[in-house]
Amino acid sequence: MSQKIKETGIEIGKREMIMKMCDKGYTIAQIANVAGMDEKQIEDTIKNAELLSV
């Protein structure tokens, strides 16, 4: 169970980092490079975060 909590915390932190970088004007490619994810994952994360904030 503690592993799941740790993984959830990491995902939340990554999502926050992605959104901060997006707000500061970083490109999708730059964010993907820093986060170690592909651009599609970054785009999906940003879209989902925007949907949740509406």
N, C-alpha and C. Protein backbone atom coordinates (compact mmCIF):
# COMPACT_ATOMS: atom_id res chain seq x y z
N MET A 1 0.83 -1.20 0.00
CA MET A 1 0.00 0.00 0.00
C MET A 1 0.87 1.26 0.00
N SER A 2 1.94 1.27 0.76
CA SER A 2 2.78 2.46 0.81
C SER A 2 3.41 2.74 -0.55
N GLN A 3 3.65 1.72 -1.35
CA GLN A 3 4.19 1.91 -2.69
C GLN A 3 3.19 2.68 -3.55
N LYS A 4 1.92 2.34 -3.45
CA LYS A 4 0.87 3.02 -4.22
C LYS A 4 0.78 4.49 -3.82
N ILE A 5 0.88 4.76 -2.54
CA ILE A 5 0.84 6.14 -2.04
C ILE A 5 2.04 6.91 -2.59
N LYS A 6 3.20 6.29 -2.58
CA LYS A 6 4.42 6.92 -3.11
C LYS A 6 4.26 7.23 -4.59
N GLU A 7 3.75 6.26 -5.36
CA GLU A 7 3.56 6.46 -6.80
C GLU A 7 2.55 7.58 -7.07
N THR A 8 1.50 7.64 -6.28
CA THR A 8 0.50 8.69 -6.44
C THR A 8 1.12 10.06 -6.16
N GLY A 9 1.94 10.14 -5.13
CA GLY A 9 2.61 11.40 -4.81
C GLY A 9 3.55 11.85 -5.92
N ILE A 10 4.25 10.91 -6.49
CA ILE A 10 5.15 11.23 -7.60
C ILE A 10 4.36 11.75 -8.79
N GLU A 11 3.25 11.10 -9.10
CA GLU A 11 2.42 11.53 -10.23
C GLU A 11 1.86 12.93 -10.00
N ILE A 12 1.43 13.23 -8.78
CA ILE A 12 0.91 14.56 -8.47
C ILE A 12 2.01 15.60 -8.63
N GLY A 13 3.20 15.29 -8.14
CA GLY A 13 4.33 16.20 -8.27
C GLY A 13 4.70 16.45 -9.72
N LYS A 14 4.69 15.39 -10.53
CA LYS A 14 5.00 15.53 -11.95
C LYS A 14 3.96 16.41 -12.64
N ARG A 15 2.70 16.17 -12.32
CA ARG A 15 1.62 16.95 -12.92
C ARG A 15 1.76 18.44 -12.56
N GLU A 16 2.09 18.72 -11.30
CA GLU A 16 2.29 20.12 -10.88
C GLU A 16 3.47 20.75 -11.61
N MET A 17 4.56 20.00 -11.77
CA MET A 17 5.72 20.51 -12.48
C MET A 17 5.37 20.82 -13.93
N ILE A 18 4.64 19.90 -14.57
CA ILE A 18 4.25 20.10 -15.96
C ILE A 18 3.41 21.36 -16.10
N MET A 19 2.46 21.56 -15.21
CA MET A 19 1.59 22.72 -15.30
C MET A 19 2.35 24.03 -15.03
N LYS A 20 3.27 24.01 -14.10
CA LYS A 20 4.09 25.21 -13.84
C LYS A 20 4.93 25.57 -15.04
N MET A 21 5.53 24.55 -15.66
CA MET A 21 6.36 24.80 -16.85
C MET A 21 5.50 25.33 -17.99
N CYS A 22 4.31 24.77 -18.14
CA CYS A 22 3.39 25.23 -19.18
C CYS A 22 3.02 26.69 -18.94
N ASP A 23 2.70 27.02 -17.69
CA ASP A 23 2.33 28.40 -17.35
C ASP A 23 3.47 29.38 -17.60
N LYS A 24 4.70 28.91 -17.48
CA LYS A 24 5.87 29.78 -17.69
C LYS A 24 6.27 29.87 -19.16
N GLY A 25 5.55 29.15 -20.03
CA GLY A 25 5.79 29.29 -21.46
C GLY A 25 6.72 28.27 -22.08
N TYR A 26 7.07 27.22 -21.34
CA TYR A 26 7.91 26.18 -21.93
C TYR A 26 7.11 25.46 -23.02
N THR A 27 7.80 24.98 -24.03
CA THR A 27 7.13 24.23 -25.10
C THR A 27 6.85 22.81 -24.61
N ILE A 28 5.94 22.14 -25.31
CA ILE A 28 5.63 20.74 -24.99
C ILE A 28 6.89 19.89 -25.08
N ALA A 29 7.71 20.13 -26.10
CA ALA A 29 8.95 19.36 -26.28
C ALA A 29 9.91 19.58 -25.11
N GLN A 30 10.03 20.81 -24.63
CA GLN A 30 10.91 21.09 -23.50
C GLN A 30 10.41 20.41 -22.24
N ILE A 31 9.11 20.48 -22.01
CA ILE A 31 8.53 19.85 -20.82
C ILE A 31 8.73 18.33 -20.88
N ALA A 32 8.49 17.75 -22.05
CA ALA A 32 8.65 16.31 -22.22
C ALA A 32 10.09 15.89 -21.93
N ASN A 33 11.04 16.69 -22.39
CA ASN A 33 12.45 16.39 -22.17
C ASN A 33 12.78 16.39 -20.68
N VAL A 34 12.33 17.40 -19.97
CA VAL A 34 12.62 17.51 -18.53
C VAL A 34 11.90 16.41 -17.74
N ALA A 35 10.65 16.15 -18.10
CA ALA A 35 9.84 15.18 -17.36
C ALA A 35 10.17 13.73 -17.72
N GLY A 36 10.90 13.53 -18.83
CA GLY A 36 11.21 12.17 -19.25
C GLY A 36 9.98 11.44 -19.77
N MET A 37 9.10 12.19 -20.40
CA MET A 37 7.86 11.63 -20.94
C MET A 37 7.78 11.98 -22.42
N ASP A 38 6.85 11.34 -23.15
CA ASP A 38 6.71 11.74 -24.54
C ASP A 38 5.72 12.91 -24.65
N GLU A 39 5.76 13.59 -25.77
CA GLU A 39 4.98 14.81 -25.94
C GLU A 39 3.48 14.55 -25.83
N LYS A 40 3.02 13.41 -26.30
CA LYS A 40 1.59 13.07 -26.20
C LYS A 40 1.15 12.99 -24.74
N GLN A 41 1.99 12.41 -23.89
CA GLN A 41 1.67 12.32 -22.47
C GLN A 41 1.58 13.72 -21.84
N ILE A 42 2.47 14.60 -22.25
CA ILE A 42 2.45 15.97 -21.72
C ILE A 42 1.18 16.67 -22.17
N GLU A 43 0.84 16.55 -23.44
CA GLU A 43 -0.38 17.18 -23.95
C GLU A 43 -1.61 16.66 -23.21
N ASP A 44 -1.67 15.35 -22.99
CA ASP A 44 -2.81 14.76 -22.27
C ASP A 44 -2.87 15.26 -20.83
N THR A 45 -1.73 15.37 -20.18
CA THR A 45 -1.69 15.85 -18.80
C THR A 45 -2.20 17.29 -18.72
N ILE A 46 -1.77 18.13 -19.65
CA ILE A 46 -2.20 19.53 -19.66
C ILE A 46 -3.69 19.62 -19.94
N LYS A 47 -4.18 18.87 -20.91
CA LYS A 47 -5.61 18.88 -21.23
C LYS A 47 -6.45 18.43 -20.04
N ASN A 48 -6.02 17.35 -19.38
CA ASN A 48 -6.76 16.84 -18.22
C ASN A 48 -6.76 17.84 -17.07
N ALA A 49 -5.64 18.49 -16.84
CA ALA A 49 -5.56 19.48 -15.77
C ALA A 49 -6.46 20.67 -16.05
N GLU A 50 -6.50 21.07 -17.32
CA GLU A 50 -7.37 22.20 -17.70
C GLU A 50 -8.84 21.83 -17.54
N LEU A 51 -9.20 20.61 -17.86
CA LEU A 51 -10.58 20.15 -17.70
C LEU A 51 -10.98 20.12 -16.23
N LEU A 52 -10.05 19.72 -15.36
CA LEU A 52 -10.35 19.65 -13.93
C LEU A 52 -10.47 21.02 -13.28
N SER A 53 -9.81 22.02 -13.86
CA SER A 53 -9.81 23.35 -13.25
C SER A 53 -10.99 24.21 -13.68
N VAL A 54 -11.79 23.71 -14.62
CA VAL A 54 -12.94 24.50 -15.12
C VAL A 54 -14.11 24.40 -14.19
